[in-house]
Amino acid sequence: MIFNGITILLILSSTNSEKDKFVRELIYTYLAFVIFKAKPIVLELFEYSV
């Protein structure tokens, strides 16, 4: 599941439409939640990157 998310992330990162940007942000949040188990510092970095 994590690898599928990364694959989708790589595909979406090559596009710039508003819909893809929204979906990409959801995937970033999902990956941060699953891989890092929503550590506060990770969420802060995510908010900073957006």
N, C-alpha and C. Protein backbone atom coordinates (compact mmCIF):
# COMPACT_ATOMS: atom_id res chain seq x y z
N MET A 1 0.84 -1.21 0.00
CA MET A 1 0.00 0.00 0.00
C MET A 1 0.87 1.26 0.00
N ILE A 2 1.93 1.24 0.80
CA ILE A 2 2.82 2.39 0.86
C ILE A 2 3.50 2.60 -0.49
N PHE A 3 3.94 1.50 -1.12
CA PHE A 3 4.60 1.62 -2.42
C PHE A 3 3.65 2.13 -3.48
N ASN A 4 2.39 1.70 -3.42
CA ASN A 4 1.40 2.21 -4.36
C ASN A 4 1.21 3.71 -4.18
N GLY A 5 1.20 4.16 -2.93
CA GLY A 5 1.05 5.59 -2.66
C GLY A 5 2.22 6.38 -3.22
N ILE A 6 3.43 5.84 -3.07
CA ILE A 6 4.61 6.53 -3.58
C ILE A 6 4.57 6.57 -5.10
N THR A 7 4.14 5.49 -5.74
CA THR A 7 4.04 5.46 -7.20
C THR A 7 3.06 6.51 -7.69
N ILE A 8 1.90 6.59 -7.05
CA ILE A 8 0.90 7.59 -7.42
C ILE A 8 1.46 8.98 -7.19
N LEU A 9 2.19 9.16 -6.09
CA LEU A 9 2.79 10.44 -5.77
C LEU A 9 3.76 10.87 -6.86
N LEU A 10 4.58 9.96 -7.33
CA LEU A 10 5.53 10.28 -8.39
C LEU A 10 4.82 10.66 -9.68
N ILE A 11 3.71 9.97 -9.98
CA ILE A 11 2.95 10.29 -11.19
C ILE A 11 2.33 11.68 -11.06
N LEU A 12 1.72 11.96 -9.91
CA LEU A 12 1.04 13.25 -9.74
C LEU A 12 2.03 14.41 -9.66
N SER A 13 3.26 14.14 -9.20
CA SER A 13 4.23 15.22 -9.05
C SER A 13 4.65 15.80 -10.40
N SER A 14 4.33 15.09 -11.49
CA SER A 14 4.68 15.58 -12.82
C SER A 14 3.57 16.44 -13.42
N THR A 15 2.47 16.65 -12.69
CA THR A 15 1.36 17.46 -13.19
C THR A 15 1.10 18.62 -12.23
N ASN A 16 0.42 19.65 -12.71
CA ASN A 16 0.26 20.86 -11.90
C ASN A 16 -1.17 21.40 -11.85
N SER A 17 -2.16 20.62 -12.29
CA SER A 17 -3.54 21.13 -12.24
C SER A 17 -4.01 21.20 -10.78
N GLU A 18 -5.06 21.99 -10.54
CA GLU A 18 -5.56 22.17 -9.18
C GLU A 18 -6.07 20.86 -8.60
N LYS A 19 -6.74 20.04 -9.40
CA LYS A 19 -7.25 18.77 -8.91
C LYS A 19 -6.10 17.86 -8.50
N ASP A 20 -5.07 17.76 -9.34
CA ASP A 20 -3.93 16.91 -9.02
C ASP A 20 -3.19 17.43 -7.80
N LYS A 21 -3.14 18.77 -7.64
CA LYS A 21 -2.48 19.35 -6.48
C LYS A 21 -3.23 18.95 -5.20
N PHE A 22 -4.55 18.97 -5.25
CA PHE A 22 -5.37 18.57 -4.11
C PHE A 22 -5.14 17.11 -3.76
N VAL A 23 -5.18 16.24 -4.77
CA VAL A 23 -4.98 14.81 -4.55
C VAL A 23 -3.57 14.55 -4.03
N ARG A 24 -2.58 15.26 -4.58
CA ARG A 24 -1.19 15.09 -4.15
C ARG A 24 -1.04 15.46 -2.67
N GLU A 25 -1.72 16.52 -2.24
CA GLU A 25 -1.64 16.91 -0.83
C GLU A 25 -2.27 15.84 0.07
N LEU A 26 -3.35 15.22 -0.41
CA LEU A 26 -3.96 14.13 0.37
C LEU A 26 -2.99 12.96 0.49
N ILE A 27 -2.27 12.67 -0.58
CA ILE A 27 -1.32 11.55 -0.56
C ILE A 27 -0.16 11.87 0.37
N TYR A 28 0.33 13.12 0.34
CA TYR A 28 1.39 13.52 1.27
C TYR A 28 0.93 13.30 2.71
N THR A 29 -0.30 13.71 3.01
CA THR A 29 -0.84 13.55 4.36
C THR A 29 -0.96 12.07 4.72
N TYR A 30 -1.43 11.27 3.76
CA TYR A 30 -1.58 9.83 3.99
C TYR A 30 -0.22 9.18 4.26
N LEU A 31 0.77 9.50 3.44
CA LEU A 31 2.10 8.91 3.62
C LEU A 31 2.69 9.34 4.96
N ALA A 32 2.52 10.59 5.31
CA ALA A 32 3.05 11.07 6.59
C ALA A 32 2.37 10.35 7.75
N PHE A 33 1.07 10.12 7.62
CA PHE A 33 0.31 9.47 8.69
C PHE A 33 0.70 8.00 8.83
N VAL A 34 0.86 7.31 7.70
CA VAL A 34 1.16 5.87 7.74
C VAL A 34 2.62 5.62 8.11
N ILE A 35 3.54 6.27 7.40
CA ILE A 35 4.97 5.99 7.58
C ILE A 35 5.47 6.52 8.92
N PHE A 36 5.10 7.75 9.24
CA PHE A 36 5.63 8.38 10.45
C PHE A 36 4.64 8.34 11.61
N LYS A 37 3.48 7.72 11.38
CA LYS A 37 2.44 7.62 12.40
C LYS A 37 2.07 8.98 12.99
N ALA A 38 2.03 9.97 12.12
CA ALA A 38 1.55 11.31 12.47
C ALA A 38 2.34 11.95 13.61
N LYS A 39 3.66 11.81 13.57
CA LYS A 39 4.48 12.51 14.57
C LYS A 39 4.30 14.01 14.38
N PRO A 40 4.18 14.77 15.45
CA PRO A 40 3.92 16.22 15.35
C PRO A 40 4.93 16.95 14.47
N ILE A 41 6.21 16.59 14.56
CA ILE A 41 7.22 17.30 13.77
C ILE A 41 7.00 17.07 12.28
N VAL A 42 6.54 15.88 11.91
CA VAL A 42 6.26 15.58 10.51
C VAL A 42 5.09 16.42 10.01
N LEU A 43 4.06 16.53 10.82
CA LEU A 43 2.90 17.34 10.44
C LEU A 43 3.30 18.81 10.31
N GLU A 44 4.20 19.28 11.17
CA GLU A 44 4.66 20.66 11.07
C GLU A 44 5.42 20.88 9.78
N LEU A 45 6.26 19.92 9.40
CA LEU A 45 7.00 20.03 8.15
C LEU A 45 6.05 20.01 6.96
N PHE A 46 4.99 19.19 7.05
CA PHE A 46 4.01 19.13 5.97
C PHE A 46 3.30 20.47 5.81
N GLU A 47 2.89 21.06 6.94
CA GLU A 47 2.20 22.36 6.89
C GLU A 47 3.13 23.43 6.34
N TYR A 48 4.41 23.34 6.69
CA TYR A 48 5.39 24.32 6.21
C TYR A 48 5.58 24.19 4.70
N SER A 49 5.59 22.95 4.19
CA SER A 49 5.82 22.73 2.77
C SER A 49 4.63 23.16 1.92
N VAL A 50 3.44 23.19 2.52
CA VAL A 50 2.25 23.61 1.77
C VAL A 50 2.20 25.13 1.78
